Amino acid sequence: MDGMDMTPPPPPPSSSSSMSNHSMHNDHNMMMHMTFFWGSNSEILFSGWPGTRTGMYVLALIFVFVLAVLVEWLSHCRFIKPAAGSASRVRAGLLQTLLHALRLGLAYLVMLAVMSFNAGVFLVVVAGHAVGFLVFGSAVFKRGDGDKVGTDLPPMSTC
């Protein structure tokens, strides 16, 4: 075709160097899973954590469980007392905003832990939310009709 070379271009040099950079930066040579898997050899939330020791994996599961329970607790707690003055309403609004930000931050940490695709982490998160709801949100531990005061925060939305 009139002097045009039809051979495919060589692969870019960055592809081979990026692979070596990836293995150089990944001290544990751990693979990122994109499907659920069983096993204690996983990274949850932070690089290199919990590592390859089973005891640290159990500690990570307990940590994620507590995070899920805290999200449920913040979703059903009552810290703010009704106030009549405008200064009290501003203070209550600021506290409500702080609680919302804290709950949202913890909920995102729980979501990121689930994104490790470790089946144990997934089960612990579901169990943590269930226990948290049972203790703080269900009728099991309500003291009676006077306990229907509500919560400081609206329900978390999925939209």
N, C-alpha and C. Protein backbone atom coordinates (compact mmCIF):
# COMPACT_ATOMS: atom_id res chain seq x y z
N MET A 1 0.82 -1.18 0.00
CA MET A 1 0.00 0.00 0.00
C MET A 1 0.86 1.23 0.00
N ASP A 2 1.50 1.54 -1.01
CA ASP A 2 2.27 2.75 -1.25
C ASP A 2 3.11 3.19 -0.06
N GLY A 3 4.01 2.34 0.38
CA GLY A 3 4.98 2.72 1.39
C GLY A 3 4.47 2.67 2.83
N MET A 4 3.24 2.23 3.05
CA MET A 4 2.74 2.15 4.43
C MET A 4 3.11 0.80 5.01
N ASP A 5 3.68 0.80 6.19
CA ASP A 5 4.06 -0.43 6.88
C ASP A 5 2.85 -0.96 7.63
N MET A 6 2.45 -2.22 7.37
CA MET A 6 1.26 -2.80 7.97
C MET A 6 1.58 -3.70 9.16
N THR A 7 2.78 -3.67 9.68
CA THR A 7 3.10 -4.50 10.84
C THR A 7 2.52 -3.83 12.10
N PRO A 8 2.07 -4.64 13.03
CA PRO A 8 1.50 -4.04 14.25
C PRO A 8 2.59 -3.35 15.06
N PRO A 9 2.24 -2.32 15.77
CA PRO A 9 3.24 -1.60 16.57
C PRO A 9 3.73 -2.48 17.71
N PRO A 10 4.95 -2.26 18.16
CA PRO A 10 5.47 -3.04 19.29
C PRO A 10 4.71 -2.68 20.55
N PRO A 11 4.67 -3.59 21.51
CA PRO A 11 3.98 -3.27 22.77
C PRO A 11 4.68 -2.12 23.47
N PRO A 12 3.93 -1.30 24.15
CA PRO A 12 4.56 -0.15 24.83
C PRO A 12 5.50 -0.63 25.93
N PRO A 13 6.61 0.06 26.10
CA PRO A 13 7.58 -0.38 27.10
C PRO A 13 7.03 -0.29 28.52
N SER A 14 6.02 0.54 28.73
CA SER A 14 5.50 0.70 30.09
C SER A 14 4.77 -0.55 30.57
N SER A 15 4.25 -1.39 29.65
CA SER A 15 3.50 -2.56 30.10
C SER A 15 4.40 -3.58 30.79
N SER A 16 5.61 -3.78 30.29
CA SER A 16 6.50 -4.73 30.95
C SER A 16 7.08 -4.13 32.23
N SER A 17 7.34 -2.81 32.21
CA SER A 17 7.88 -2.19 33.41
C SER A 17 6.80 -2.02 34.47
N SER A 18 5.54 -1.87 34.04
CA SER A 18 4.49 -1.72 35.05
C SER A 18 4.28 -3.03 35.78
N MET A 19 4.49 -4.15 35.11
CA MET A 19 4.35 -5.43 35.78
C MET A 19 5.45 -5.59 36.82
N SER A 20 6.67 -5.19 36.48
CA SER A 20 7.75 -5.29 37.46
C SER A 20 7.54 -4.28 38.58
N ASN A 21 7.00 -3.09 38.26
CA ASN A 21 6.70 -2.11 39.30
C ASN A 21 5.63 -2.65 40.23
N HIS A 22 4.62 -3.33 39.67
CA HIS A 22 3.55 -3.88 40.49
C HIS A 22 4.09 -4.92 41.46
N SER A 23 4.94 -5.80 40.96
CA SER A 23 5.47 -6.83 41.86
C SER A 23 6.48 -6.22 42.84
N MET A 24 7.12 -5.12 42.43
CA MET A 24 8.07 -4.48 43.33
C MET A 24 7.33 -3.80 44.48
N HIS A 25 6.18 -3.18 44.20
CA HIS A 25 5.43 -2.49 45.24
C HIS A 25 4.58 -3.44 46.06
N ASN A 26 4.28 -4.59 45.55
CA ASN A 26 3.44 -5.55 46.26
C ASN A 26 4.34 -6.52 47.01
N ASP A 27 4.63 -6.19 48.27
CA ASP A 27 5.57 -6.99 49.05
C ASP A 27 5.08 -8.40 49.31
N HIS A 28 3.79 -8.58 49.39
CA HIS A 28 3.23 -9.88 49.75
C HIS A 28 2.91 -10.74 48.53
N ASN A 29 3.03 -10.19 47.34
CA ASN A 29 2.66 -10.89 46.10
C ASN A 29 1.27 -11.49 46.21
N MET A 30 0.35 -10.74 46.80
CA MET A 30 -1.02 -11.20 46.96
C MET A 30 -1.82 -10.80 45.74
N MET A 31 -2.73 -11.66 45.39
CA MET A 31 -3.56 -11.44 44.22
C MET A 31 -4.84 -10.74 44.64
N MET A 32 -5.30 -9.78 43.85
CA MET A 32 -6.56 -9.11 44.12
C MET A 32 -7.69 -9.97 43.60
N HIS A 33 -8.55 -10.42 44.50
CA HIS A 33 -9.66 -11.28 44.10
C HIS A 33 -10.82 -10.44 43.61
N MET A 34 -11.49 -10.92 42.58
CA MET A 34 -12.67 -10.26 42.06
C MET A 34 -13.91 -11.14 42.21
N THR A 35 -13.79 -12.25 42.92
CA THR A 35 -14.90 -13.12 43.26
C THR A 35 -14.72 -13.53 44.72
N PHE A 36 -15.80 -13.96 45.36
CA PHE A 36 -15.68 -14.39 46.75
C PHE A 36 -14.76 -15.59 46.87
N PHE A 37 -13.98 -15.60 47.94
CA PHE A 37 -13.06 -16.71 48.19
C PHE A 37 -13.00 -16.95 49.68
N TRP A 38 -12.65 -18.16 50.06
CA TRP A 38 -12.45 -18.52 51.47
C TRP A 38 -10.97 -18.52 51.75
N GLY A 39 -10.60 -18.10 52.92
CA GLY A 39 -9.20 -18.18 53.31
C GLY A 39 -8.80 -17.02 54.19
N SER A 40 -7.78 -17.25 54.99
CA SER A 40 -7.31 -16.22 55.91
C SER A 40 -6.18 -15.38 55.31
N ASN A 41 -5.72 -15.73 54.13
CA ASN A 41 -4.66 -14.97 53.48
C ASN A 41 -5.30 -13.88 52.63
N SER A 42 -5.56 -12.74 53.24
CA SER A 42 -6.31 -11.69 52.58
C SER A 42 -5.84 -10.33 53.06
N GLU A 43 -6.08 -9.29 52.27
CA GLU A 43 -5.83 -7.92 52.70
C GLU A 43 -7.18 -7.27 52.93
N ILE A 44 -7.36 -6.71 54.13
CA ILE A 44 -8.63 -6.09 54.50
C ILE A 44 -8.34 -4.66 54.93
N LEU A 45 -8.89 -3.71 54.21
CA LEU A 45 -8.83 -2.28 54.51
C LEU A 45 -7.46 -1.64 54.31
N PHE A 46 -6.38 -2.26 54.74
CA PHE A 46 -5.07 -1.64 54.65
C PHE A 46 -4.09 -2.59 53.97
N SER A 47 -3.11 -2.04 53.29
CA SER A 47 -2.11 -2.85 52.62
C SER A 47 -1.32 -3.67 53.63
N GLY A 48 -1.29 -4.97 53.42
CA GLY A 48 -0.54 -5.85 54.29
C GLY A 48 -1.25 -6.24 55.58
N TRP A 49 -2.49 -5.80 55.76
CA TRP A 49 -3.21 -6.13 56.98
C TRP A 49 -4.38 -7.03 56.67
N PRO A 50 -4.60 -8.09 57.28
CA PRO A 50 -3.99 -8.60 58.51
C PRO A 50 -2.76 -9.44 58.30
N GLY A 51 -2.30 -9.64 57.10
CA GLY A 51 -1.12 -10.46 56.86
C GLY A 51 -1.48 -11.92 56.68
N THR A 52 -0.52 -12.78 56.90
CA THR A 52 -0.74 -14.21 56.65
C THR A 52 -0.97 -15.02 57.92
N ARG A 53 -0.88 -14.39 59.09
CA ARG A 53 -1.10 -15.12 60.34
C ARG A 53 -2.59 -15.23 60.63
N THR A 54 -3.04 -16.40 61.03
CA THR A 54 -4.45 -16.65 61.28
C THR A 54 -4.96 -15.80 62.44
N GLY A 55 -4.17 -15.60 63.46
CA GLY A 55 -4.59 -14.79 64.60
C GLY A 55 -4.90 -13.35 64.20
N MET A 56 -4.12 -12.80 63.31
CA MET A 56 -4.38 -11.44 62.84
C MET A 56 -5.63 -11.39 61.97
N TYR A 57 -5.89 -12.46 61.23
CA TYR A 57 -7.11 -12.54 60.43
C TYR A 57 -8.33 -12.54 61.35
N VAL A 58 -8.28 -13.29 62.43
CA VAL A 58 -9.38 -13.34 63.39
C VAL A 58 -9.57 -11.96 64.02
N LEU A 59 -8.48 -11.28 64.35
CA LEU A 59 -8.55 -9.92 64.88
C LEU A 59 -9.20 -8.98 63.87
N ALA A 60 -8.86 -9.12 62.60
CA ALA A 60 -9.47 -8.28 61.56
C ALA A 60 -10.97 -8.56 61.46
N LEU A 61 -11.36 -9.83 61.57
CA LEU A 61 -12.79 -10.16 61.53
C LEU A 61 -13.53 -9.53 62.72
N ILE A 62 -12.92 -9.57 63.89
CA ILE A 62 -13.53 -8.96 65.08
C ILE A 62 -13.66 -7.45 64.89
N PHE A 63 -12.63 -6.83 64.33
CA PHE A 63 -12.65 -5.39 64.07
C PHE A 63 -13.77 -5.02 63.12
N VAL A 64 -13.93 -5.77 62.04
CA VAL A 64 -14.98 -5.48 61.06
C VAL A 64 -16.35 -5.72 61.67
N PHE A 65 -16.49 -6.76 62.49
CA PHE A 65 -17.75 -7.04 63.19
C PHE A 65 -18.13 -5.85 64.08
N VAL A 66 -17.17 -5.34 64.84
CA VAL A 66 -17.43 -4.20 65.72
C VAL A 66 -17.80 -2.97 64.91
N LEU A 67 -17.15 -2.75 63.77
CA LEU A 67 -17.52 -1.61 62.91
C LEU A 67 -18.98 -1.72 62.47
N ALA A 68 -19.41 -2.91 62.06
CA ALA A 68 -20.79 -3.10 61.62
C ALA A 68 -21.77 -2.86 62.76
N VAL A 69 -21.44 -3.33 63.97
CA VAL A 69 -22.31 -3.09 65.13
C VAL A 69 -22.37 -1.60 65.44
N LEU A 70 -21.23 -0.89 65.34
CA LEU A 70 -21.21 0.56 65.59
C LEU A 70 -22.09 1.32 64.60
N VAL A 71 -22.09 0.89 63.34
CA VAL A 71 -22.96 1.53 62.34
C VAL A 71 -24.42 1.38 62.76
N GLU A 72 -24.80 0.20 63.21
CA GLU A 72 -26.19 -0.01 63.66
C GLU A 72 -26.48 0.80 64.93
N TRP A 73 -25.53 0.86 65.83
CA TRP A 73 -25.73 1.64 67.05
C TRP A 73 -25.95 3.11 66.73
N LEU A 74 -25.10 3.67 65.86
CA LEU A 74 -25.27 5.07 65.48
C LEU A 74 -26.57 5.30 64.72
N SER A 75 -27.05 4.27 64.03
CA SER A 75 -28.30 4.41 63.29
C SER A 75 -29.51 4.43 64.21
N HIS A 76 -29.37 3.92 65.43
CA HIS A 76 -30.52 3.81 66.33
C HIS A 76 -30.33 4.53 67.66
N CYS A 77 -29.27 5.32 67.81
CA CYS A 77 -29.01 5.96 69.10
C CYS A 77 -29.81 7.26 69.24
N ARG A 78 -29.86 7.71 70.47
CA ARG A 78 -30.56 8.96 70.78
C ARG A 78 -29.68 9.78 71.72
N PHE A 79 -28.91 10.72 71.17
CA PHE A 79 -28.02 11.57 71.95
C PHE A 79 -28.60 12.97 72.16
N ILE A 80 -29.39 13.44 71.21
CA ILE A 80 -29.83 14.83 71.19
C ILE A 80 -31.19 14.93 71.89
N LYS A 81 -31.25 15.80 72.88
CA LYS A 81 -32.52 16.05 73.57
C LYS A 81 -33.24 17.18 72.84
N PRO A 82 -34.56 17.11 72.71
CA PRO A 82 -35.31 18.19 72.05
C PRO A 82 -35.11 19.52 72.79
N ALA A 83 -34.83 20.57 72.01
CA ALA A 83 -34.58 21.88 72.61
C ALA A 83 -35.44 22.93 71.91
N ALA A 84 -35.77 23.98 72.65
CA ALA A 84 -36.67 24.99 72.11
C ALA A 84 -35.92 26.18 71.52
N GLY A 85 -34.79 26.56 72.07
CA GLY A 85 -34.08 27.76 71.62
C GLY A 85 -33.38 27.57 70.29
N SER A 86 -33.17 28.68 69.57
CA SER A 86 -32.53 28.58 68.24
C SER A 86 -31.05 28.21 68.38
N ALA A 87 -30.38 28.68 69.44
CA ALA A 87 -28.97 28.31 69.65
C ALA A 87 -28.87 26.81 69.93
N SER A 88 -29.82 26.30 70.71
CA SER A 88 -29.83 24.86 70.98
C SER A 88 -30.13 24.06 69.73
N ARG A 89 -30.97 24.59 68.86
CA ARG A 89 -31.29 23.90 67.61
C ARG A 89 -30.07 23.86 66.70
N VAL A 90 -29.28 24.93 66.67
CA VAL A 90 -28.06 24.96 65.86
C VAL A 90 -27.07 23.94 66.40
N ARG A 91 -26.90 23.93 67.73
CA ARG A 91 -25.99 22.98 68.36
C ARG A 91 -26.45 21.54 68.08
N ALA A 92 -27.76 21.30 68.19
CA ALA A 92 -28.31 19.97 67.91
C ALA A 92 -28.10 19.60 66.45
N GLY A 93 -28.26 20.55 65.55
CA GLY A 93 -28.05 20.29 64.12
C GLY A 93 -26.60 19.96 63.81
N LEU A 94 -25.67 20.67 64.47
CA LEU A 94 -24.24 20.39 64.26
C LEU A 94 -23.87 19.01 64.80
N LEU A 95 -24.42 18.65 65.97
CA LEU A 95 -24.16 17.33 66.53
C LEU A 95 -24.76 16.23 65.64
N GLN A 96 -25.94 16.49 65.12
CA GLN A 96 -26.58 15.53 64.22
C GLN A 96 -25.75 15.35 62.95
N THR A 97 -25.20 16.43 62.43
CA THR A 97 -24.34 16.36 61.24
C THR A 97 -23.06 15.59 61.53
N LEU A 98 -22.47 15.81 62.70
CA LEU A 98 -21.27 15.09 63.09
C LEU A 98 -21.56 13.59 63.21
N LEU A 99 -22.67 13.24 63.84
CA LEU A 99 -23.05 11.83 63.97
C LEU A 99 -23.29 11.19 62.60
N HIS A 100 -23.92 11.95 61.71
CA HIS A 100 -24.17 11.43 60.35
C HIS A 100 -22.85 11.17 59.62
N ALA A 101 -21.92 12.10 59.73
CA ALA A 101 -20.62 11.93 59.07
C ALA A 101 -19.87 10.72 59.65
N LEU A 102 -19.93 10.55 60.97
CA LEU A 102 -19.27 9.41 61.61
C LEU A 102 -19.91 8.09 61.16
N ARG A 103 -21.24 8.04 61.15
CA ARG A 103 -21.92 6.82 60.71
C ARG A 103 -21.60 6.50 59.25
N LEU A 104 -21.59 7.52 58.41
CA LEU A 104 -21.29 7.31 57.00
C LEU A 104 -19.86 6.84 56.79
N GLY A 105 -18.92 7.43 57.53
CA GLY A 105 -17.52 7.00 57.42
C GLY A 105 -17.34 5.55 57.84
N LEU A 106 -17.97 5.16 58.95
CA LEU A 106 -17.89 3.77 59.39
C LEU A 106 -18.56 2.82 58.40
N ALA A 107 -19.69 3.24 57.83
CA ALA A 107 -20.39 2.41 56.85
C ALA A 107 -19.53 2.20 55.61
N TYR A 108 -18.82 3.24 55.18
CA TYR A 108 -17.93 3.08 54.03
C TYR A 108 -16.74 2.17 54.35
N LEU A 109 -16.22 2.24 55.57
CA LEU A 109 -15.15 1.31 55.96
C LEU A 109 -15.63 -0.13 55.91
N VAL A 110 -16.86 -0.36 56.38
CA VAL A 110 -17.43 -1.71 56.32
C VAL A 110 -17.59 -2.14 54.87
N MET A 111 -18.06 -1.23 54.02
CA MET A 111 -18.21 -1.56 52.61
C MET A 111 -16.86 -1.90 51.96
N LEU A 112 -15.83 -1.13 52.30
CA LEU A 112 -14.51 -1.42 51.74
C LEU A 112 -13.97 -2.76 52.23
N ALA A 113 -14.28 -3.12 53.47
CA ALA A 113 -13.86 -4.43 53.98
C ALA A 113 -14.54 -5.54 53.18
N VAL A 114 -15.82 -5.38 52.89
CA VAL A 114 -16.53 -6.39 52.09
C VAL A 114 -15.95 -6.48 50.69
N MET A 115 -15.43 -5.37 50.18
CA MET A 115 -14.85 -5.38 48.84
C MET A 115 -13.54 -6.14 48.77
N SER A 116 -13.07 -6.68 49.88
CA SER A 116 -11.93 -7.59 49.83
C SER A 116 -12.34 -8.93 49.23
N PHE A 117 -13.65 -9.14 49.08
CA PHE A 117 -14.23 -10.36 48.50
C PHE A 117 -13.92 -11.61 49.33
N ASN A 118 -13.55 -11.41 50.58
CA ASN A 118 -13.32 -12.54 51.47
C ASN A 118 -14.66 -12.96 52.06
N ALA A 119 -15.04 -14.22 51.90
CA ALA A 119 -16.35 -14.70 52.35
C ALA A 119 -16.48 -14.60 53.87
N GLY A 120 -15.40 -14.80 54.59
CA GLY A 120 -15.44 -14.66 56.04
C GLY A 120 -15.76 -13.23 56.46
N VAL A 121 -15.17 -12.26 55.79
CA VAL A 121 -15.45 -10.85 56.08
C VAL A 121 -16.91 -10.54 55.77
N PHE A 122 -17.41 -11.05 54.66
CA PHE A 122 -18.80 -10.81 54.29
C PHE A 122 -19.75 -11.36 55.35
N LEU A 123 -19.51 -12.58 55.80
CA LEU A 123 -20.37 -13.18 56.81
C LEU A 123 -20.29 -12.43 58.14
N VAL A 124 -19.11 -11.97 58.52
CA VAL A 124 -18.94 -11.22 59.76
C VAL A 124 -19.66 -9.87 59.67
N VAL A 125 -19.63 -9.22 58.52
CA VAL A 125 -20.33 -7.95 58.36
C VAL A 125 -21.83 -8.15 58.49
N VAL A 126 -22.36 -9.16 57.82
CA VAL A 126 -23.80 -9.43 57.92
C VAL A 126 -24.17 -9.76 59.37
N ALA A 127 -23.35 -10.56 60.04
CA ALA A 127 -23.61 -10.91 61.43
C ALA A 127 -23.53 -9.66 62.33
N GLY A 128 -22.58 -8.79 62.08
CA GLY A 128 -22.44 -7.57 62.87
C GLY A 128 -23.64 -6.65 62.72
N HIS A 129 -24.12 -6.48 61.49
CA HIS A 129 -25.31 -5.67 61.28
C HIS A 129 -26.53 -6.32 61.92
N ALA A 130 -26.63 -7.64 61.83
CA ALA A 130 -27.78 -8.34 62.42
C ALA A 130 -27.77 -8.21 63.95
N VAL A 131 -26.62 -8.44 64.57
CA VAL A 131 -26.53 -8.31 66.03
C VAL A 131 -26.78 -6.87 66.46
N GLY A 132 -26.21 -5.93 65.73
CA GLY A 132 -26.43 -4.52 66.05
C GLY A 132 -27.89 -4.13 65.93
N PHE A 133 -28.56 -4.60 64.91
CA PHE A 133 -29.98 -4.30 64.77
C PHE A 133 -30.79 -4.99 65.85
N LEU A 134 -30.45 -6.24 66.16
CA LEU A 134 -31.17 -6.97 67.21
C LEU A 134 -31.09 -6.21 68.54
N VAL A 135 -29.90 -5.75 68.89
CA VAL A 135 -29.69 -5.09 70.17
C VAL A 135 -30.24 -3.66 70.18
N PHE A 136 -29.99 -2.89 69.12
CA PHE A 136 -30.32 -1.46 69.15
C PHE A 136 -31.57 -1.08 68.37
N GLY A 137 -32.03 -1.91 67.43
CA GLY A 137 -33.13 -1.49 66.59
C GLY A 137 -34.40 -2.31 66.68
N SER A 138 -34.30 -3.53 67.13
CA SER A 138 -35.48 -4.39 67.15
C SER A 138 -36.28 -4.18 68.43
N ALA A 139 -37.44 -4.78 68.48
CA ALA A 139 -38.32 -4.65 69.64
C ALA A 139 -37.89 -5.54 70.80
N VAL A 140 -36.89 -6.38 70.61
CA VAL A 140 -36.48 -7.32 71.65
C VAL A 140 -36.00 -6.60 72.90
N PHE A 141 -35.21 -5.54 72.75
CA PHE A 141 -34.63 -4.87 73.90
C PHE A 141 -35.29 -3.52 74.20
N LYS A 142 -36.45 -3.27 73.62
CA LYS A 142 -37.18 -2.04 73.93
C LYS A 142 -37.83 -2.18 75.30
N ARG A 143 -37.89 -1.07 76.04
CA ARG A 143 -38.41 -1.12 77.41
C ARG A 143 -39.92 -0.95 77.48
N GLY A 144 -40.57 -0.65 76.42
CA GLY A 144 -42.02 -0.45 76.46
C GLY A 144 -42.42 0.66 75.52
N ASP A 145 -43.65 1.16 75.69
CA ASP A 145 -44.18 2.20 74.79
C ASP A 145 -43.44 3.52 74.91
N GLY A 146 -42.86 3.80 76.06
CA GLY A 146 -42.13 5.05 76.24
C GLY A 146 -40.80 5.08 75.51
N ASP A 147 -40.39 3.95 74.96
CA ASP A 147 -39.10 3.86 74.29
C ASP A 147 -39.20 4.16 72.80
N LYS A 148 -40.36 4.57 72.32
CA LYS A 148 -40.53 4.84 70.89
C LYS A 148 -40.21 6.30 70.59
N VAL A 149 -39.06 6.77 71.01
CA VAL A 149 -38.68 8.16 70.87
C VAL A 149 -38.12 8.45 69.48
N GLY A 150 -37.57 7.47 68.82
CA GLY A 150 -36.95 7.67 67.53
C GLY A 150 -35.44 7.74 67.65
N THR A 151 -34.81 8.18 66.59
CA THR A 151 -33.36 8.26 66.58
C THR A 151 -32.94 9.66 66.16
N ASP A 152 -31.66 9.97 66.34
CA ASP A 152 -31.14 11.26 65.93
C ASP A 152 -30.96 11.36 64.43
N LEU A 153 -30.72 10.24 63.79
CA LEU A 153 -30.40 10.23 62.36
C LEU A 153 -31.50 9.53 61.57
N PRO A 154 -31.74 10.00 60.36
CA PRO A 154 -32.70 9.29 59.51
C PRO A 154 -32.09 7.96 59.06
N PRO A 155 -32.93 7.03 58.59
CA PRO A 155 -32.38 5.74 58.12
C PRO A 155 -31.41 5.97 56.98
N MET A 156 -30.42 5.06 56.88
CA MET A 156 -29.46 5.16 55.78
C MET A 156 -30.17 4.82 54.49
N SER A 157 -29.92 5.58 53.47
CA SER A 157 -30.58 5.40 52.18
C SER A 157 -29.67 4.62 51.25
N THR A 158 -30.26 3.80 50.41
CA THR A 158 -29.47 3.07 49.42
C THR A 158 -29.52 3.74 48.06
N CYS A 159 -30.22 4.85 47.96
CA CYS A 159 -30.34 5.56 46.68
C CYS A 159 -29.32 6.65 46.59
